[in-house]
Protein backbone atom coordinates (compact mmCIF):
# COMPACT_ATOMS: atom_id res chain seq x y z
CA MET A 1 -8.82 -1.61 8.84
CA ASP A 2 -7.19 -4.59 7.16
CA VAL A 3 -3.58 -3.57 6.52
CA ARG A 4 -2.14 -5.57 3.63
CA VAL A 5 1.09 -5.68 1.67
CA ASP A 6 -0.11 -8.26 -0.85
CA GLY A 7 2.42 -9.02 -3.56
CA ARG A 8 5.07 -6.69 -2.12
CA VAL A 9 8.65 -7.67 -1.33
CA ALA A 10 10.33 -6.34 1.81
CA LEU A 11 13.93 -6.22 3.01
CA ILE A 12 14.37 -5.94 6.79
CA THR A 13 17.71 -5.32 8.50
CA GLY A 14 18.47 -6.50 12.01
CA ALA A 15 15.84 -9.22 11.70
CA SER A 16 17.35 -12.11 13.64
CA ARG A 17 15.14 -11.39 16.65
CA GLY A 18 13.01 -8.73 18.31
CA ILE A 19 11.34 -6.02 16.26
CA GLY A 20 12.95 -7.11 13.00
CA GLU A 21 11.82 -10.73 13.23
CA ALA A 22 8.35 -9.65 14.38
CA THR A 23 8.12 -7.30 11.38
CA ALA A 24 9.03 -10.13 9.01
CA ALA A 25 6.29 -12.28 10.52
CA GLU A 26 3.78 -9.42 10.26
CA MET A 27 4.69 -8.75 6.62
CA LEU A 28 4.28 -12.42 5.75
CA ALA A 29 0.92 -12.58 7.53
CA SER A 30 -0.14 -9.46 5.62
CA GLY A 31 0.45 -11.02 2.21
CA ALA A 32 4.03 -10.17 1.29
CA ALA A 33 5.29 -12.08 -1.73
CA GLY A 34 8.77 -12.23 -0.23
CA VAL A 35 10.76 -11.01 2.74
CA THR A 36 14.54 -10.77 2.92
CA ILE A 37 15.86 -10.75 6.48
CA THR A 38 19.42 -9.76 7.37
CA SER A 39 21.62 -9.79 10.42
CA ARG A 40 25.34 -9.63 11.10
CA LYS A 41 25.74 -13.26 12.20
CA GLU A 42 24.87 -16.05 9.79
CA ASP A 43 23.77 -18.53 12.48
CA ASN A 44 21.42 -16.00 14.09
CA ILE A 45 19.67 -15.09 10.83
CA ALA A 46 19.42 -18.76 9.86
CA SER A 47 17.70 -19.48 13.19
CA ALA A 48 15.23 -16.66 12.58
CA ALA A 49 14.42 -18.09 9.15
CA GLU A 50 13.74 -21.47 10.76
CA ARG A 51 11.35 -19.88 13.25
CA LEU A 52 9.53 -17.99 10.49
CA ASP A 53 9.31 -21.28 8.57
CA ASP A 54 8.12 -19.83 5.27
CA ASP A 55 9.47 -20.38 1.76
CA ARG A 56 8.89 -16.67 1.05
CA VAL A 57 11.85 -15.84 3.33
CA LEU A 58 15.40 -15.17 2.15
CA ALA A 59 17.94 -15.01 5.01
CA LEU A 60 21.27 -13.24 4.48
CA ALA A 61 24.19 -12.43 6.73
CA ALA A 62 24.97 -8.74 6.20
CA ARG A 63 26.42 -5.93 8.27
CA ALA A 64 24.21 -2.91 8.79
CA ASP A 65 27.16 -0.53 8.40
CA SER A 66 28.51 -2.03 5.18
CA GLU A 67 27.75 -0.35 1.86
CA ALA A 68 28.85 -3.48 0.00
CA ASP A 69 26.60 -5.74 2.09
CA ALA A 70 23.64 -3.42 1.53
CA ALA A 71 24.15 -3.50 -2.24
CA ARG A 72 24.58 -7.28 -2.17
CA ALA A 73 21.41 -7.83 -0.11
CA VAL A 74 19.31 -5.66 -2.44
CA ALA A 75 20.71 -7.48 -5.48
CA ALA A 76 20.00 -10.87 -3.90
CA THR A 77 16.43 -9.79 -3.12
CA LEU A 78 15.86 -8.74 -6.71
CA GLU A 79 17.36 -11.98 -7.99
CA ARG A 80 15.18 -14.14 -5.70
CA PHE A 81 11.89 -12.25 -5.85
CA GLY A 82 12.16 -10.05 -8.94
CA ARG A 83 11.33 -6.82 -7.14
CA LEU A 84 11.83 -4.76 -3.97
CA ASP A 85 9.06 -2.54 -2.62
CA ILE A 86 9.75 -2.03 1.09
CA LEU A 87 12.91 -1.39 3.08
CA VAL A 88 12.81 -1.52 6.87
CA ASN A 89 15.94 -0.10 8.50
CA ASN A 90 15.70 -1.81 11.87
CA ALA A 91 19.29 -2.81 12.69
CA GLY A 92 20.72 -1.00 15.69
CA THR A 93 23.28 -1.25 18.45
CA ASN A 94 24.04 0.47 21.74
CA PRO A 95 27.47 -0.38 23.17
CA ALA A 96 28.15 3.21 24.25
CA ALA A 97 26.64 3.58 27.73
CA GLY A 98 27.73 6.54 29.82
CA ASP A 99 27.95 10.31 29.85
CA LEU A 100 29.16 11.87 26.61
CA ALA A 101 32.06 13.56 28.42
CA SER A 102 33.59 10.23 29.40
CA VAL A 103 32.07 7.44 27.28
CA ASP A 104 34.47 5.42 25.11
CA LEU A 105 34.68 7.14 21.72
CA GLY A 106 35.25 3.86 19.91
CA ALA A 107 31.89 2.65 21.17
CA VAL A 108 30.30 5.97 20.21
CA GLY A 109 31.68 5.64 16.68
CA LYS A 110 30.34 2.10 16.36
CA THR A 111 26.91 3.20 17.57
CA TRP A 112 26.76 6.05 15.09
CA GLU A 113 28.05 3.96 12.18
CA VAL A 114 25.37 1.29 12.64
CA ASN A 115 22.47 3.44 13.81
CA GLN A 116 22.72 6.56 11.65
CA LEU A 117 25.04 5.80 8.73
CA GLY A 118 23.59 2.31 8.26
CA PRO A 119 20.06 3.41 7.33
CA LEU A 120 21.47 5.82 4.74
CA LEU A 121 23.63 3.10 3.17
CA TRP A 122 20.67 0.72 2.87
CA ALA A 123 18.31 3.44 1.63
CA ARG A 124 20.83 4.36 -1.08
CA ALA A 125 21.22 0.74 -2.15
CA ALA A 126 17.46 0.21 -2.32
CA TRP A 127 16.96 3.52 -4.18
CA ASN A 128 19.70 2.95 -6.73
CA GLN A 129 18.78 -0.64 -7.58
CA ALA A 130 14.99 -0.67 -7.26
CA LEU A 131 12.99 2.10 -5.62
CA ARG A 132 14.02 5.05 -7.81
CA ASP A 133 12.28 3.45 -10.79
CA GLY A 134 9.73 1.17 -9.15
CA GLY A 135 8.68 3.27 -6.17
CA GLY A 136 7.92 1.93 -2.71
CA ALA A 137 8.31 2.69 0.96
CA ILE A 138 11.10 2.95 3.52
CA VAL A 139 10.44 2.69 7.25
CA ASN A 140 13.23 3.57 9.68
CA VAL A 141 13.23 2.44 13.29
CA ALA A 142 14.13 5.44 15.44
CA SER A 143 13.35 5.80 19.17
CA VAL A 144 11.64 8.13 21.59
CA GLY A 145 15.22 8.66 22.82
CA GLY A 146 15.83 10.55 19.61
CA MET A 147 13.08 13.00 20.52
CA ARG A 148 14.34 14.07 23.96
CA VAL A 149 17.39 13.93 26.19
CA GLY A 150 18.02 11.32 28.85
CA PRO A 151 20.81 9.84 30.98
CA VAL A 152 23.33 7.09 30.19
CA ILE A 153 22.44 6.41 26.54
CA GLY A 154 23.15 9.85 25.07
CA ALA A 155 25.20 8.53 22.13
CA TYR A 156 22.39 6.14 21.20
CA ASN A 157 19.79 8.90 21.51
CA ILE A 158 21.84 11.21 19.28
CA SER A 159 22.05 8.48 16.64
CA LYS A 160 18.28 8.06 16.72
CA ALA A 161 17.76 11.82 16.47
CA ALA A 162 19.85 11.62 13.32
CA VAL A 163 17.59 8.83 12.01
CA ILE A 164 14.59 11.08 12.56
CA HIS A 165 16.18 13.92 10.58
CA LEU A 166 17.33 11.45 7.93
CA THR A 167 13.73 10.31 7.60
CA HIS A 168 12.53 13.87 6.98
CA GLN A 169 15.32 14.54 4.49
CA LEU A 170 14.85 11.34 2.48
CA ALA A 171 11.09 11.87 2.44
CA LEU A 172 11.72 15.18 0.68
CA GLU A 173 14.39 13.88 -1.70
CA MET A 174 12.73 10.58 -2.67
CA ALA A 175 9.20 11.90 -3.21
CA PRO A 176 6.94 11.37 -5.02
CA LYS A 177 7.76 7.74 -5.84
CA VAL A 178 9.07 6.65 -2.44
CA ARG A 179 7.50 7.35 0.92
CA VAL A 180 9.89 7.50 3.89
CA ASN A 181 8.59 7.31 7.45
CA ALA A 182 9.83 6.18 10.85
CA VAL A 183 8.56 4.63 14.05
CA ALA A 184 9.85 5.77 17.45
CA PRO A 185 9.43 3.02 20.04
CA SER A 186 9.82 3.44 23.77
CA VAL A 187 10.93 0.46 25.87
CA VAL A 188 10.19 -2.77 24.02
CA ARG A 189 10.79 -6.31 25.25
CA THR A 190 13.95 -6.89 23.20
CA ARG A 191 17.52 -7.89 23.99
CA LEU A 192 18.81 -4.48 22.89
CA ALA A 193 16.59 -2.73 25.44
CA ALA A 194 17.06 -5.33 28.19
CA ALA A 195 18.90 -2.95 30.53
CA LEU A 196 15.81 -0.72 30.55
CA TRP A 197 13.33 -3.39 31.65
CA GLU A 198 14.90 -6.62 32.90
CA GLY A 199 14.47 -6.82 36.67
CA ILE A 200 12.57 -3.51 36.74
CA GLU A 201 9.67 -4.29 34.40
CA LYS A 202 6.94 -3.12 36.79
CA GLN A 203 8.70 0.18 37.42
CA THR A 204 9.33 0.70 33.71
CA ALA A 205 5.75 -0.17 32.82
CA GLU A 206 4.46 2.37 35.36
CA ALA A 207 6.39 5.11 33.53
CA HIS A 208 4.16 4.53 30.49
CA PRO A 209 0.58 5.82 30.57
CA LEU A 210 -0.63 2.49 29.13
CA LYS A 211 1.12 0.71 32.05
CA ARG A 212 3.07 -1.89 30.11
CA ILE A 213 6.26 -2.09 28.12
CA GLY A 214 6.00 -2.67 24.40
CA GLU A 215 6.13 -5.97 22.57
CA PRO A 216 7.97 -6.39 19.25
CA SER A 217 4.61 -7.06 17.59
CA ASP A 218 3.35 -3.61 18.65
CA VAL A 219 6.10 -1.98 16.61
CA ALA A 220 5.84 -4.50 13.77
CA ARG A 221 2.20 -3.63 13.18
CA ALA A 222 3.01 0.09 12.99
CA ILE A 223 5.85 -0.56 10.54
CA THR A 224 3.62 -2.68 8.32
CA PHE A 225 0.95 0.02 8.34
CA LEU A 226 3.44 2.71 7.25
CA ALA A 227 4.74 0.42 4.49
CA SER A 228 1.26 -0.39 3.19
CA ASP A 229 -1.14 1.43 0.88
CA ALA A 230 -3.21 2.28 3.94
CA ALA A 231 -0.57 4.97 4.53
CA SER A 232 -0.32 6.02 0.89
CA TRP A 233 -0.60 9.76 1.69
CA ILE A 234 1.83 9.69 4.61
CA THR A 235 5.51 10.52 4.26
CA GLY A 236 8.11 12.24 6.42
CA VAL A 237 6.26 11.20 9.57
CA VAL A 238 7.74 9.83 12.79
CA LEU A 239 5.13 7.71 14.55
CA PRO A 240 5.67 7.19 18.30
CA VAL A 241 4.92 3.61 19.33
CA ASP A 242 5.54 4.23 22.97
CA GLY A 243 2.66 3.50 25.32
CA GLY A 244 1.97 7.22 25.58
CA VAL A 245 5.29 8.54 26.93
CA THR A 246 5.65 11.31 24.35
CA GLY A 247 2.03 12.36 24.64
CA ALA A 248 1.69 12.49 28.42
CA ALA A 249 3.84 13.13 31.49
CA ALA A 250 6.19 10.25 32.14
CA ALA A 251 9.53 9.44 33.72
CA PRO A 252 12.55 10.80 31.79
CA GLY A 253 15.20 8.71 30.15
CA LEU A 254 13.17 6.02 28.43
CA GLY A 255 14.33 4.89 24.99
CA GLY A 256 13.53 2.03 22.61
């Protein structure tokens, strides 16, 4: 199946590296007319734009937990490309490591603001300025950690469980014009997930039935599929992209 997004315009948060940057590259390769990439730090997003090296890319510094930045990024996308069809809520953080009974609550609050409030802010901005009238697709990046409990990263996992429920809720509220789906990665070779694989990659890979950790491109392809017309009768779905850990016995505690 040739998955295409010809002529569509996408906005991808958290796209300075990892899954976000890989998704931008996949969208461009699949025919997107334009891709806006955002990240908190201006130098990081500028570097990603240089690596993508395509005049269809608009790079913006924007905070994932800022309602004003979300509105500004959507407006800038519409000004540059004349439309917005796809929103990918990929930005995430995980500074709150530890048991919930003792983890720093400031770090928990930051995790929840970025990971669960952020996607709502960006979905609202996209809906109000473009998608409500023009239709389109939203893809949220959740995690297998949001589907089951595990040690150390409980606050992160709770935030991703919220993203999963948010996906279901928005799919109901934004239908029929806008489809809302999510991907749920397991351990992917990204900086955010480094603590789960660096120095223990063989052990981590063995916990997955497919015997490897994920690559950003694995998730990017799934996101592009859900955003494309190939998935035109799919909404409210959370697609595990996880090497089999949610479909077969595996070690507990893995999260994307």
